[in-house]
């Protein structure tokens, strides 16, 4: 395992690197979707805001799963006292770099995307560039359309980010296994070359569940991208994404080491959230199909490619 890459005294987390790569991949996909649908918005700005909000949301969700441990961590951070602000800051950064939950990040990301959707516009007549939108501004994209646009990028970015979890060995791997593709999470010689959460026993083979999630994410991305080539009711792609991502996460939790804390210790926190995601997606699909709101305003029809 390589949770950290060492450059002298600096220890760079591989999870953070893969999070950055996920953002880069997501930006590329979102930019292409903006171009394909004639949207006048900067994909890099959109993704940057979502990443910041997503990281904070993912951290908050993770920590609130165990409030007692959160209290202990905050006590340890503040122990040096405010007369030693550097020690407190370093302690906070050390605590913040580990422990994130996907669904907290997704909720925060969805909220930011919806806000950005109210600000973004389709390309109007005479549009030349983002800096020169022409004399007549295009129609506003809207919150739900922005979620539709972001769905393929989110699916692919999630899969890439999961590889960071695998490299870090932070507890996102699976149960012990004898399958031929099982992986080792053995302890290394020091804290920078061992799994953050080692299995038991340390030499056990475990299921590489982040790989499963990457493969599933690639399928979801491809499906959403292909379906997005034709006009769908507003919200339809968002609902489908919620259903598919929820099903994928629900199934993989059966072989992950997440503690089962709900329904007589038969389901994990993430599994309950995944089931809620899938149900919410079905509701969104039903509403979208029933309302059949036109996805592309008339001003943007000519811009579609």
Protein backbone atom coordinates (compact mmCIF):
# COMPACT_ATOMS: atom_id res chain seq x y z
CA UNK A 1 0.00 0.00 0.00
CA UNK A 2 1.10 3.55 -0.71
CA UNK A 3 -1.14 5.90 1.27
CA UNK A 4 1.64 8.51 1.07
CA UNK A 5 4.34 9.41 -1.43
CA UNK A 6 7.47 10.68 0.29
CA UNK A 7 9.45 13.67 -0.97
CA UNK A 8 11.94 14.33 1.78
CA UNK A 9 10.01 15.68 4.79
CA UNK A 10 6.81 16.05 2.73
CA UNK A 11 4.32 13.18 2.67
CA UNK A 12 1.80 13.49 -0.15
CA UNK A 13 -1.38 11.46 0.22
CA UNK A 14 -2.27 9.24 -2.74
CA UNK A 15 -5.96 9.63 -1.92
CA UNK A 16 -5.62 13.37 -2.48
CA UNK A 17 -3.78 12.79 -5.75
CA UNK A 18 -6.53 10.53 -7.05
CA UNK A 19 -9.14 13.01 -5.87
CA UNK A 20 -7.36 15.62 -7.98
CA UNK A 21 -7.28 13.22 -10.95
CA UNK A 22 -11.00 12.52 -10.50
CA UNK A 23 -11.63 16.26 -10.64
CA UNK A 24 -9.55 16.57 -13.82
CA UNK A 25 -11.44 13.71 -15.49
CA UNK A 26 -14.77 15.14 -14.33
CA UNK A 27 -13.85 18.57 -15.72
CA UNK A 28 -13.04 17.11 -19.14
CA UNK A 29 -16.29 15.17 -19.32
CA UNK A 30 -18.38 18.11 -18.08
CA UNK A 31 -16.70 20.46 -20.56
CA UNK A 32 -17.52 18.11 -23.44
CA UNK A 33 -21.10 17.83 -22.21
CA UNK A 34 -21.39 21.62 -22.04
CA UNK A 35 -20.09 21.85 -25.62
CA UNK A 36 -22.41 19.08 -26.78
CA UNK A 37 -25.46 20.79 -25.28
CA UNK A 38 -24.60 24.40 -26.06
CA UNK A 39 -24.06 25.53 -22.46
CA UNK A 40 -22.26 28.80 -21.79
CA UNK A 41 -20.40 27.88 -18.58
CA UNK A 42 -16.86 27.16 -17.43
CA UNK A 43 -16.57 23.49 -16.46
CA UNK A 44 -13.37 24.08 -14.49
CA UNK A 45 -15.04 26.63 -12.21
CA UNK A 46 -18.06 24.38 -11.74
CA UNK A 47 -15.94 21.37 -10.76
CA UNK A 48 -13.64 23.39 -8.49
CA UNK A 49 -16.57 24.60 -6.40
CA UNK A 50 -18.10 21.13 -6.29
CA UNK A 51 -14.81 19.55 -5.19
CA UNK A 52 -14.35 21.99 -2.30
CA UNK A 53 -17.94 21.54 -1.15
CA UNK A 54 -17.74 17.78 -1.70
CA UNK A 55 -14.60 17.34 0.40
CA UNK A 56 -16.12 19.29 3.28
CA UNK A 57 -19.43 17.44 2.99
CA UNK A 58 -17.72 14.04 2.80
CA UNK A 59 -15.66 14.81 5.90
CA UNK A 60 -18.67 16.02 7.88
CA UNK A 61 -20.72 12.95 6.93
CA UNK A 62 -17.90 10.59 7.92
CA UNK A 63 -17.29 12.24 11.26
CA UNK A 64 -20.96 12.39 12.22
CA UNK A 65 -21.17 8.61 11.86
CA UNK A 66 -19.29 8.34 15.16
CA UNK A 67 -19.75 11.48 17.27
CA UNK A 68 -17.79 10.08 20.23
CA UNK A 69 -14.70 9.59 18.07
CA UNK A 70 -15.18 13.10 16.67
CA UNK A 71 -15.13 14.55 20.18
CA UNK A 72 -11.93 12.68 20.97
CA UNK A 73 -10.30 13.87 17.74
CA UNK A 74 -11.26 17.51 18.35
CA UNK A 75 -9.97 17.26 21.93
CA UNK A 76 -6.64 15.92 20.65
CA UNK A 77 -6.41 18.71 18.06
CA UNK A 78 -6.95 21.41 20.68
CA UNK A 79 -4.76 19.81 23.34
CA UNK A 80 -1.62 21.91 22.57
CA UNK A 81 -3.69 25.00 23.40
CA UNK A 82 -4.30 28.17 21.45
CA UNK A 83 -0.92 29.49 22.58
CA UNK A 84 0.53 26.98 20.08
CA UNK A 85 -1.51 27.75 16.94
CA UNK A 86 0.92 26.00 14.59
CA UNK A 87 0.61 22.71 16.50
CA UNK A 88 -3.19 23.05 16.48
CA UNK A 89 -3.19 23.77 12.73
CA UNK A 90 -0.93 20.80 11.97
CA UNK A 91 -3.09 18.56 14.13
CA UNK A 92 -6.20 19.71 12.28
CA UNK A 93 -4.62 19.10 8.88
CA UNK A 94 -3.44 15.64 9.94
CA UNK A 95 -6.97 14.80 11.11
CA UNK A 96 -8.65 16.27 8.02
CA UNK A 97 -6.60 14.36 5.45
CA UNK A 98 -8.18 10.97 6.30
CA UNK A 99 -11.76 9.77 6.62
CA UNK A 100 -14.32 10.78 3.99
CA UNK A 101 -17.77 9.43 3.11
CA UNK A 102 -19.05 9.50 -0.46
CA UNK A 103 -22.68 10.34 0.26
CA UNK A 104 -21.80 13.43 2.29
CA UNK A 105 -19.78 14.65 -0.65
CA UNK A 106 -22.57 13.83 -3.08
CA UNK A 107 -25.17 15.82 -1.11
CA UNK A 108 -22.88 18.84 -0.86
CA UNK A 109 -21.94 18.54 -4.55
CA UNK A 110 -25.58 18.32 -5.63
CA UNK A 111 -26.41 21.44 -3.65
CA UNK A 112 -23.61 23.44 -5.27
CA UNK A 113 -24.48 22.19 -8.76
CA UNK A 114 -28.10 23.25 -8.34
CA UNK A 115 -27.01 26.73 -7.30
CA UNK A 116 -24.66 26.93 -10.28
CA UNK A 117 -27.43 25.74 -12.59
CA UNK A 118 -29.48 28.83 -11.77
CA UNK A 119 -26.54 31.01 -12.84
CA UNK A 120 -25.40 29.17 -16.00
CA UNK A 121 -27.01 29.86 -19.37
CA UNK A 122 -27.36 28.21 -22.74
CA UNK A 123 -25.63 29.92 -25.65
CA UNK A 124 -27.86 32.58 -27.12
CA UNK A 125 -27.97 33.99 -30.68
CA UNK A 126 -24.69 35.66 -31.60
CA UNK A 127 -22.73 33.84 -28.89
CA UNK A 128 -18.95 33.94 -29.47
CA UNK A 129 -17.35 33.03 -26.15
CA UNK A 130 -17.94 33.02 -22.40
CA UNK A 131 -16.56 36.56 -22.31
CA UNK A 132 -18.66 37.62 -25.32
CA UNK A 133 -22.09 35.95 -24.98
CA UNK A 134 -23.71 38.17 -27.60
CA UNK A 135 -26.50 40.74 -27.41
CA UNK A 136 -29.22 38.29 -26.36
CA UNK A 137 -28.35 35.97 -23.43
CA UNK A 138 -29.52 32.39 -23.69
CA UNK A 139 -32.02 30.75 -21.38
CA UNK A 140 -30.85 29.73 -17.92
CA UNK A 141 -29.82 26.10 -17.61
CA UNK A 142 -31.62 25.53 -14.31
CA UNK A 143 -30.82 23.38 -11.31
CA UNK A 144 -32.07 20.01 -12.56
CA UNK A 145 -30.60 20.40 -16.04
CA UNK A 146 -27.22 21.08 -14.44
CA UNK A 147 -27.51 17.82 -12.51
CA UNK A 148 -28.31 16.01 -15.77
CA UNK A 149 -25.22 17.52 -17.37
CA UNK A 150 -23.00 16.55 -14.46
CA UNK A 151 -24.24 12.95 -14.08
CA UNK A 152 -21.74 11.29 -16.49
CA UNK A 153 -18.82 13.28 -15.06
CA UNK A 154 -19.83 12.35 -11.52
CA UNK A 155 -20.01 8.66 -12.35
CA UNK A 156 -16.56 8.61 -13.93
CA UNK A 157 -14.96 10.81 -11.27
CA UNK A 158 -16.30 8.54 -8.53
CA UNK A 159 -14.68 5.50 -10.09
CA UNK A 160 -11.30 7.22 -10.43
CA UNK A 161 -11.44 8.45 -6.84
CA UNK A 162 -12.06 4.94 -5.57
CA UNK A 163 -8.57 3.92 -6.71
CA UNK A 164 -7.23 6.44 -4.21
CA UNK A 165 -9.09 4.53 -1.51
CA UNK A 166 -7.46 1.30 -2.68
CA UNK A 167 -3.94 2.77 -2.63
CA UNK A 168 -4.47 4.23 0.83
CA UNK A 169 -5.97 1.05 2.27
CA UNK A 170 -8.27 3.25 4.32
CA UNK A 171 -10.91 0.65 5.09
CA UNK A 172 -12.79 0.74 1.78
CA UNK A 173 -11.57 -2.70 0.77
CA UNK A 174 -13.54 -5.92 1.15
CA UNK A 175 -13.78 -8.87 3.48
CA UNK A 176 -11.19 -11.62 3.66
CA UNK A 177 -11.28 -13.88 0.64
CA UNK A 178 -9.67 -16.84 -1.11
CA UNK A 179 -10.59 -15.56 -4.57
CA UNK A 180 -7.66 -15.48 -7.02
CA UNK A 181 -7.95 -11.70 -7.43
CA UNK A 182 -7.77 -11.00 -3.70
CA UNK A 183 -5.22 -8.34 -2.70
CA UNK A 184 -2.85 -7.89 0.25
CA UNK A 185 -3.13 -4.97 2.65
CA UNK A 186 -0.05 -6.00 4.64
CA UNK A 187 1.66 -3.62 7.04
CA UNK A 188 4.73 -1.95 5.62
CA UNK A 189 7.97 -1.03 7.29
CA UNK A 190 6.64 2.36 8.45
CA UNK A 191 3.43 4.37 8.60
CA UNK A 192 3.94 5.69 5.07
CA UNK A 193 3.95 2.25 3.44
CA UNK A 194 1.14 0.42 5.17
CA UNK A 195 -2.61 0.35 4.90
CA UNK A 196 -4.23 3.04 7.01
CA UNK A 197 -6.70 0.40 8.21
CA UNK A 198 -4.94 -3.00 8.15
CA UNK A 199 -7.01 -6.18 7.79
CA UNK A 200 -7.11 -8.99 10.33
CA UNK A 201 -4.92 -10.93 10.18
CA UNK A 202 -2.47 -8.50 8.56
CA UNK A 203 -1.44 -11.07 5.92
CA UNK A 204 -5.03 -11.84 4.82
CA UNK A 205 -6.18 -11.49 1.23
CA UNK A 206 -9.18 -9.17 0.88
CA UNK A 207 -11.62 -8.39 -1.91
CA UNK A 208 -10.57 -5.29 -3.93
CA UNK A 209 -13.96 -3.61 -3.71
CA UNK A 210 -12.68 -0.24 -5.05
CA UNK A 211 -11.87 -2.07 -8.29
CA UNK A 212 -15.42 -3.39 -8.42
CA UNK A 213 -16.71 0.14 -7.96
CA UNK A 214 -14.40 1.50 -10.67
CA UNK A 215 -15.65 -1.07 -13.19
CA UNK A 216 -19.28 -0.39 -12.29
CA UNK A 217 -18.66 3.37 -12.51
CA UNK A 218 -17.22 2.99 -16.02
CA UNK A 219 -20.35 1.16 -17.12
CA UNK A 220 -22.63 3.80 -15.58
CA UNK A 221 -20.59 6.60 -17.18
CA UNK A 222 -20.76 4.99 -20.63
CA UNK A 223 -24.50 4.40 -20.34
CA UNK A 224 -25.26 7.96 -19.18
CA UNK A 225 -23.04 9.46 -21.87
CA UNK A 226 -24.73 7.46 -24.62
CA UNK A 227 -28.24 8.19 -23.37
CA UNK A 228 -27.36 11.88 -23.13
CA UNK A 229 -26.86 12.06 -26.89
CA UNK A 230 -30.61 12.31 -27.38
CA UNK A 231 -33.04 14.68 -25.67
CA UNK A 232 -34.54 13.31 -22.45
CA UNK A 233 -37.06 14.86 -20.05
CA UNK A 234 -35.43 17.20 -17.53
CA UNK A 235 -34.27 15.17 -14.52
CA UNK A 236 -34.37 11.81 -16.28
CA UNK A 237 -30.59 11.32 -16.39
CA UNK A 238 -30.25 12.51 -12.80
CA UNK A 239 -32.82 9.99 -11.64
CA UNK A 240 -31.15 7.19 -13.58
CA UNK A 241 -27.76 8.10 -12.09
CA UNK A 242 -29.16 8.01 -8.55
CA UNK A 243 -30.74 4.61 -9.17
CA UNK A 244 -27.65 3.03 -10.74
CA UNK A 245 -25.12 4.49 -8.30
CA UNK A 246 -27.34 3.50 -5.38
CA UNK A 247 -27.66 -0.08 -6.62
CA UNK A 248 -23.91 -0.35 -7.18
CA UNK A 249 -23.03 0.92 -3.72
CA UNK A 250 -25.76 -1.17 -2.06
CA UNK A 251 -24.44 -4.39 -3.62
CA UNK A 252 -20.73 -3.76 -2.96
CA UNK A 253 -21.45 -3.13 0.73
CA UNK A 254 -22.21 -6.85 1.17
CA UNK A 255 -18.51 -7.62 0.73
CA UNK A 256 -17.00 -4.47 2.28
CA UNK A 257 -15.72 -4.24 5.84
CA UNK A 258 -17.95 -1.32 6.79
CA UNK A 259 -19.61 -2.05 10.16
CA UNK A 260 -23.22 -3.18 9.93
CA UNK A 261 -25.08 -0.96 12.38
CA UNK A 262 -28.70 -0.88 11.12
CA UNK A 263 -31.55 -3.40 11.00
CA UNK A 264 -30.14 -5.83 13.55
CA UNK A 265 -26.59 -5.26 12.29
CA UNK A 266 -27.41 -6.39 8.78
CA UNK A 267 -26.80 -3.11 6.89
CA UNK A 268 -24.11 -0.44 6.99
CA UNK A 269 -24.67 3.31 7.07
CA UNK A 270 -23.55 3.56 3.43
CA UNK A 271 -25.93 0.76 2.45
CA UNK A 272 -28.92 2.56 3.93
CA UNK A 273 -27.88 5.75 2.15
CA UNK A 274 -27.46 3.80 -1.11
CA UNK A 275 -30.96 2.36 -0.80
CA UNK A 276 -32.32 5.86 -0.17
CA UNK A 277 -30.43 7.09 -3.25
CA UNK A 278 -31.96 4.40 -5.45
CA UNK A 279 -35.48 5.09 -4.14
CA UNK A 280 -35.04 8.84 -4.61
CA UNK A 281 -33.81 8.16 -8.14
CA UNK A 282 -36.93 6.16 -8.96
CA UNK A 283 -39.07 9.04 -7.71
CA UNK A 284 -37.11 11.54 -9.82
CA UNK A 285 -37.41 9.27 -12.86
CA UNK A 286 -41.16 9.00 -12.36
CA UNK A 287 -41.60 12.75 -12.00
CA UNK A 288 -39.40 13.46 -15.02
CA UNK A 289 -41.25 10.95 -17.16
CA UNK A 290 -44.64 12.27 -16.08
CA UNK A 291 -43.85 15.98 -16.50
CA UNK A 292 -41.76 15.56 -19.66
CA UNK A 293 -40.28 19.06 -19.42
CA UNK A 294 -38.31 19.83 -22.58
CA UNK A 295 -34.60 19.45 -21.88
CA UNK A 296 -33.25 21.97 -24.38
CA UNK A 297 -34.81 25.44 -24.64
CA UNK A 298 -35.53 26.69 -28.17
CA UNK A 299 -32.64 29.17 -28.05
CA UNK A 300 -30.18 26.32 -27.59
CA UNK A 301 -31.46 23.87 -30.19
CA UNK A 302 -29.11 25.14 -32.88
CA UNK A 303 -26.10 24.76 -30.58
CA UNK A 304 -26.49 21.00 -30.05
CA UNK A 305 -23.94 18.81 -31.87
